[in-house]
Amino acid sequence: MSLLASLLREFGDDDRDHMLTLIRTSIAEDLDAVAGGAAPARQVDVGTRSRRTRATTALA
């Protein structure tokens, strides 16, 4: 049993198979996109905050 299948074991057989197909398809599409040079989508919106630099860290 795969890790994904074990996580979805509470679902019925049809639902589990459908979810596994969706997950595997999504993973395959993401891997193909990355292989084609795409960058992963940013998961967190940092808003207007600026990145910390060594100069701003030294002042703190």
PDB file of N, CA and C in Angstrom:
ATOM      1  N   MET A   1       0.856  -1.176   0.000  1.00  0.00           N
ATOM      2  CA  MET A   1       0.000   0.000   0.000  1.00  0.00           C
ATOM      3  C   MET A   1       0.898   1.234   0.000  1.00  0.00           C
ATOM      4  N   SER A   2       0.596   2.178  -0.889  1.00  0.00           N
ATOM      5  CA  SER A   2       1.398   3.392  -0.968  1.00  0.00           C
ATOM      6  C   SER A   2       1.042   4.328   0.182  1.00  0.00           C
ATOM      7  N   LEU A   3       1.897   5.299   0.406  1.00  0.00           N
ATOM      8  CA  LEU A   3       1.648   6.284   1.458  1.00  0.00           C
ATOM      9  C   LEU A   3       0.343   7.018   1.195  1.00  0.00           C
ATOM     10  N   LEU A   4       0.144   7.432  -0.046  1.00  0.00           N
ATOM     11  CA  LEU A   4      -1.098   8.135  -0.372  1.00  0.00           C
ATOM     12  C   LEU A   4      -2.313   7.253  -0.128  1.00  0.00           C
ATOM     13  N   ALA A   5      -2.250   6.019  -0.540  1.00  0.00           N
ATOM     14  CA  ALA A   5      -3.373   5.102  -0.333  1.00  0.00           C
ATOM     15  C   ALA A   5      -3.644   4.903   1.153  1.00  0.00           C
ATOM     16  N   SER A   6      -2.592   4.823   1.950  1.00  0.00           N
ATOM     17  CA  SER A   6      -2.797   4.637   3.387  1.00  0.00           C
ATOM     18  C   SER A   6      -3.420   5.877   4.026  1.00  0.00           C
ATOM     19  N   LEU A   7      -3.087   7.057   3.508  1.00  0.00           N
ATOM     20  CA  LEU A   7      -3.690   8.283   4.037  1.00  0.00           C
ATOM     21  C   LEU A   7      -5.168   8.391   3.668  1.00  0.00           C
ATOM     22  N   LEU A   8      -5.535   7.771   2.562  1.00  0.00           N
ATOM     23  CA  LEU A   8      -6.912   7.842   2.083  1.00  0.00           C
ATOM     24  C   LEU A   8      -7.706   6.574   2.385  1.00  0.00           C
ATOM     25  N   ARG A   9      -7.240   5.744   3.297  1.00  0.00           N
ATOM     26  CA  ARG A   9      -7.859   4.440   3.542  1.00  0.00           C
ATOM     27  C   ARG A   9      -9.287   4.539   4.074  1.00  0.00           C
ATOM     28  N   GLU A  10      -9.658   5.663   4.661  1.00  0.00           N
ATOM     29  CA  GLU A  10     -11.012   5.811   5.195  1.00  0.00           C
ATOM     30  C   GLU A  10     -12.040   6.074   4.102  1.00  0.00           C
ATOM     31  N   PHE A  11     -11.576   6.439   2.901  1.00  0.00           N
ATOM     32  CA  PHE A  11     -12.484   6.681   1.787  1.00  0.00           C
ATOM     33  C   PHE A  11     -12.915   5.351   1.185  1.00  0.00           C
ATOM     34  N   GLY A  12     -14.039   5.361   0.495  1.00  0.00           N
ATOM     35  CA  GLY A  12     -14.470   4.171  -0.237  1.00  0.00           C
ATOM     36  C   GLY A  12     -13.510   3.892  -1.387  1.00  0.00           C
ATOM     37  N   ASP A  13     -13.574   2.675  -1.925  1.00  0.00           N
ATOM     38  CA  ASP A  13     -12.647   2.277  -2.989  1.00  0.00           C
ATOM     39  C   ASP A  13     -12.701   3.216  -4.189  1.00  0.00           C
ATOM     40  N   ASP A  14     -13.904   3.553  -4.651  1.00  0.00           N
ATOM     41  CA  ASP A  14     -14.030   4.427  -5.820  1.00  0.00           C
ATOM     42  C   ASP A  14     -13.493   5.821  -5.533  1.00  0.00           C
ATOM     43  N   ASP A  15     -13.847   6.367  -4.367  1.00  0.00           N
ATOM     44  CA  ASP A  15     -13.364   7.703  -4.007  1.00  0.00           C
ATOM     45  C   ASP A  15     -11.850   7.716  -3.848  1.00  0.00           C
ATOM     46  N   ARG A  16     -11.311   6.690  -3.212  1.00  0.00           N
ATOM     47  CA  ARG A  16      -9.865   6.607  -3.007  1.00  0.00           C
ATOM     48  C   ARG A  16      -9.134   6.533  -4.349  1.00  0.00           C
ATOM     49  N   ASP A  17      -9.627   5.683  -5.249  1.00  0.00           N
ATOM     50  CA  ASP A  17      -9.004   5.563  -6.569  1.00  0.00           C
ATOM     51  C   ASP A  17      -9.066   6.882  -7.332  1.00  0.00           C
ATOM     52  N   HIS A  18     -10.200   7.562  -7.230  1.00  0.00           N
ATOM     53  CA  HIS A  18     -10.351   8.855  -7.907  1.00  0.00           C
ATOM     54  C   HIS A  18      -9.375   9.886  -7.333  1.00  0.00           C
ATOM     55  N   MET A  19      -9.287   9.959  -6.011  1.00  0.00           N
ATOM     56  CA  MET A  19      -8.367  10.906  -5.364  1.00  0.00           C
ATOM     57  C   MET A  19      -6.918  10.591  -5.721  1.00  0.00           C
ATOM     58  N   LEU A  20      -6.544   9.317  -5.720  1.00  0.00           N
ATOM     59  CA  LEU A  20      -5.177   8.932  -6.081  1.00  0.00           C
ATOM     60  C   LEU A  20      -4.855   9.328  -7.519  1.00  0.00           C
ATOM     61  N   THR A  21      -5.814   9.153  -8.409  1.00  0.00           N
ATOM     62  CA  THR A  21      -5.610   9.548  -9.806  1.00  0.00           C
ATOM     63  C   THR A  21      -5.406  11.053  -9.911  1.00  0.00           C
ATOM     64  N   LEU A  22      -6.228  11.829  -9.209  1.00  0.00           N
ATOM     65  CA  LEU A  22      -6.084  13.286  -9.234  1.00  0.00           C
ATOM     66  C   LEU A  22      -4.735  13.727  -8.677  1.00  0.00           C
ATOM     67  N   ILE A  23      -4.325  13.138  -7.569  1.00  0.00           N
ATOM     68  CA  ILE A  23      -3.053  13.498  -6.938  1.00  0.00           C
ATOM     69  C   ILE A  23      -1.888  13.136  -7.846  1.00  0.00           C
ATOM     70  N   ARG A  24      -1.906  11.934  -8.393  1.00  0.00           N
ATOM     71  CA  ARG A  24      -0.811  11.500  -9.279  1.00  0.00           C
ATOM     72  C   ARG A  24      -0.740  12.363 -10.534  1.00  0.00           C
ATOM     73  N   THR A  25      -1.895  12.726 -11.087  1.00  0.00           N
ATOM     74  CA  THR A  25      -1.923  13.589 -12.271  1.00  0.00           C
ATOM     75  C   THR A  25      -1.347  14.956 -11.948  1.00  0.00           C
ATOM     76  N   SER A  26      -1.732  15.506 -10.811  1.00  0.00           N
ATOM     77  CA  SER A  26      -1.232  16.813 -10.396  1.00  0.00           C
ATOM     78  C   SER A  26       0.278  16.790 -10.196  1.00  0.00           C
ATOM     79  N   ILE A  27       0.774  15.753  -9.551  1.00  0.00           N
ATOM     80  CA  ILE A  27       2.220  15.624  -9.328  1.00  0.00           C
ATOM     81  C   ILE A  27       2.951  15.514 -10.662  1.00  0.00           C
ATOM     82  N   ALA A  28       2.424  14.703 -11.575  1.00  0.00           N
ATOM     83  CA  ALA A  28       3.057  14.526 -12.886  1.00  0.00           C
ATOM     84  C   ALA A  28       3.079  15.840 -13.664  1.00  0.00           C
ATOM     85  N   GLU A  29       1.976  16.606 -13.607  1.00  0.00           N
ATOM     86  CA  GLU A  29       1.930  17.896 -14.299  1.00  0.00           C
ATOM     87  C   GLU A  29       2.940  18.870 -13.705  1.00  0.00           C
ATOM     88  N   ASP A  30       3.049  18.896 -12.376  1.00  0.00           N
ATOM     89  CA  ASP A  30       4.021  19.775 -11.724  1.00  0.00           C
ATOM     90  C   ASP A  30       5.449  19.393 -12.097  1.00  0.00           C
ATOM     91  N   LEU A  31       5.749  18.109 -12.111  1.00  0.00           N
ATOM     92  CA  LEU A  31       7.096  17.658 -12.480  1.00  0.00           C
ATOM     93  C   LEU A  31       7.416  18.006 -13.929  1.00  0.00           C
ATOM     94  N   ASP A  32       6.446  17.849 -14.820  1.00  0.00           N
ATOM     95  CA  ASP A  32       6.650  18.212 -16.222  1.00  0.00           C
ATOM     96  C   ASP A  32       6.888  19.712 -16.373  1.00  0.00           C
ATOM     97  N   ALA A  33       6.138  20.516 -15.620  1.00  0.00           N
ATOM     98  CA  ALA A  33       6.297  21.967 -15.693  1.00  0.00           C
ATOM     99  C   ALA A  33       7.671  22.389 -15.190  1.00  0.00           C
ATOM    100  N   VAL A  34       8.116  21.815 -14.092  1.00  0.00           N
ATOM    101  CA  VAL A  34       9.434  22.142 -13.542  1.00  0.00           C
ATOM    102  C   VAL A  34      10.526  21.693 -14.511  1.00  0.00           C
ATOM    103  N   ALA A  35      10.358  20.522 -15.114  1.00  0.00           N
ATOM    104  CA  ALA A  35      11.337  20.042 -16.096  1.00  0.00           C
ATOM    105  C   ALA A  35      11.397  20.975 -17.301  1.00  0.00           C
ATOM    106  N   GLY A  36      10.280  21.628 -17.598  1.00  0.00           N
ATOM    107  CA  GLY A  36      10.225  22.583 -18.699  1.00  0.00           C
ATOM    108  C   GLY A  36      10.713  23.963 -18.326  1.00  0.00           C
ATOM    109  N   GLY A  37      11.144  24.154 -17.089  1.00  0.00           N
ATOM    110  CA  GLY A  37      11.705  25.426 -16.660  1.00  0.00           C
ATOM    111  C   GLY A  37      10.785  26.306 -15.842  1.00  0.00           C
ATOM    112  N   ALA A  38       9.609  25.842 -15.532  1.00  0.00           N
ATOM    113  CA  ALA A  38       8.682  26.646 -14.737  1.00  0.00           C
ATOM    114  C   ALA A  38       9.127  26.677 -13.285  1.00  0.00           C
ATOM    115  N   ALA A  39       8.920  27.810 -12.652  1.00  0.00           N
ATOM    116  CA  ALA A  39       9.212  27.938 -11.225  1.00  0.00           C
ATOM    117  C   ALA A  39       7.959  27.553 -10.448  1.00  0.00           C
ATOM    118  N   PRO A  40       8.118  26.947  -9.279  1.00  0.00           N
ATOM    119  CA  PRO A  40       6.942  26.611  -8.473  1.00  0.00           C
ATOM    120  C   PRO A  40       6.179  27.874  -8.068  1.00  0.00           C
ATOM    121  N   ALA A  41       4.882  27.753  -7.957  1.00  0.00           N
ATOM    122  CA  ALA A  41       4.064  28.896  -7.547  1.00  0.00           C
ATOM    123  C   ALA A  41       4.400  29.289  -6.117  1.00  0.00           C
ATOM    124  N   ARG A  42       4.412  30.581  -5.843  1.00  0.00           N
ATOM    125  CA  ARG A  42       4.689  31.064  -4.493  1.00  0.00           C
ATOM    126  C   ARG A  42       3.490  30.749  -3.606  1.00  0.00           C
ATOM    127  N   GLN A  43       3.730  30.174  -2.464  1.00  0.00           N
ATOM    128  CA  GLN A  43       2.650  29.745  -1.585  1.00  0.00           C
ATOM    129  C   GLN A  43       2.229  30.807  -0.574  1.00  0.00           C
ATOM    130  N   VAL A  44       3.103  31.793  -0.323  1.00  0.00           N
ATOM    131  CA  VAL A  44       2.820  32.770   0.715  1.00  0.00           C
ATOM    132  C   VAL A  44       2.914  34.165   0.128  1.00  0.00           C
ATOM    133  N   ASP A  45       1.927  34.976   0.372  1.00  0.00           N
ATOM    134  CA  ASP A  45       1.971  36.365  -0.064  1.00  0.00           C
ATOM    135  C   ASP A  45       2.659  37.165   1.030  1.00  0.00           C
ATOM    136  N   VAL A  46       3.821  37.720   0.721  1.00  0.00           N
ATOM    137  CA  VAL A  46       4.573  38.448   1.740  1.00  0.00           C
ATOM    138  C   VAL A  46       4.143  39.902   1.826  1.00  0.00           C
ATOM    139  N   GLY A  47       3.245  40.325   0.934  1.00  0.00           N
ATOM    140  CA  GLY A  47       2.738  41.687   0.991  1.00  0.00           C
ATOM    141  C   GLY A  47       3.814  42.706   0.716  1.00  0.00           C
ATOM    142  N   THR A  48       3.811  43.778   1.490  1.00  0.00           N
ATOM    143  CA  THR A  48       4.743  44.876   1.251  1.00  0.00           C
ATOM    144  C   THR A  48       5.995  44.781   2.098  1.00  0.00           C
ATOM    145  N   ARG A  49       6.139  43.717   2.866  1.00  0.00           N
ATOM    146  CA  ARG A  49       7.339  43.582   3.692  1.00  0.00           C
ATOM    147  C   ARG A  49       8.568  43.454   2.818  1.00  0.00           C
ATOM    148  N   SER A  50       9.628  44.109   3.232  1.00  0.00           N
ATOM    149  CA  SER A  50      10.876  43.967   2.489  1.00  0.00           C
ATOM    150  C   SER A  50      11.687  42.829   3.095  1.00  0.00           C
ATOM    151  N   ARG A  51      12.564  42.275   2.285  1.00  0.00           N
ATOM    152  CA  ARG A  51      13.422  41.194   2.778  1.00  0.00           C
ATOM    153  C   ARG A  51      14.446  41.746   3.736  1.00  0.00           C
ATOM    154  N   ARG A  52      14.790  40.957   4.726  1.00  0.00           N
ATOM    155  CA  ARG A  52      15.847  41.361   5.654  1.00  0.00           C
ATOM    156  C   ARG A  52      17.186  41.186   4.975  1.00  0.00           C
ATOM    157  N   THR A  53      18.031  42.148   5.169  1.00  0.00           N
ATOM    158  CA  THR A  53      19.385  42.065   4.632  1.00  0.00           C
ATOM    159  C   THR A  53      20.351  42.072   5.801  1.00  0.00           C
ATOM    160  N   ARG A  54      21.590  41.832   5.505  1.00  0.00           N
ATOM    161  CA  ARG A  54      22.583  41.858   6.579  1.00  0.00           C
ATOM    162  C   ARG A  54      22.646  43.227   7.232  1.00  0.00           C
ATOM    163  N   ALA A  55      22.486  44.271   6.449  1.00  0.00           N
ATOM    164  CA  ALA A  55      22.546  45.631   6.991  1.00  0.00           C
ATOM    165  C   ALA A  55      21.408  45.869   7.983  1.00  0.00           C
ATOM    166  N   THR A  56      20.187  45.454   7.638  1.00  0.00           N
ATOM    167  CA  THR A  56      19.065  45.675   8.557  1.00  0.00           C
ATOM    168  C   THR A  56      19.141  44.733   9.749  1.00  0.00           C
ATOM    169  N   THR A  57      19.719  43.564   9.558  1.00  0.00           N
ATOM    170  CA  THR A  57      19.875  42.618  10.660  1.00  0.00           C
ATOM    171  C   THR A  57      20.900  43.140  11.662  1.00  0.00           C
ATOM    172  N   ALA A  58      21.962  43.759  11.179  1.00  0.00           N
ATOM    173  CA  ALA A  58      23.011  44.272  12.053  1.00  0.00           C
ATOM    174  C   ALA A  58      22.498  45.420  12.913  1.00  0.00           C
ATOM    175  N   LEU A  59      21.514  46.167  12.407  1.00  0.00           N
ATOM    176  CA  LEU A  59      20.967  47.291  13.160  1.00  0.00           C
ATOM    177  C   LEU A  59      20.045  46.835  14.277  1.00  0.00           C
ATOM    178  N   ALA A  60      19.480  45.677  14.154  1.00  0.00           N
ATOM    179  CA  ALA A  60      18.497  45.197  15.136  1.00  0.00           C
ATOM    180  C   ALA A  60      19.125  44.793  16.435  1.00  0.00           C
TER     181      ALA A  60
END
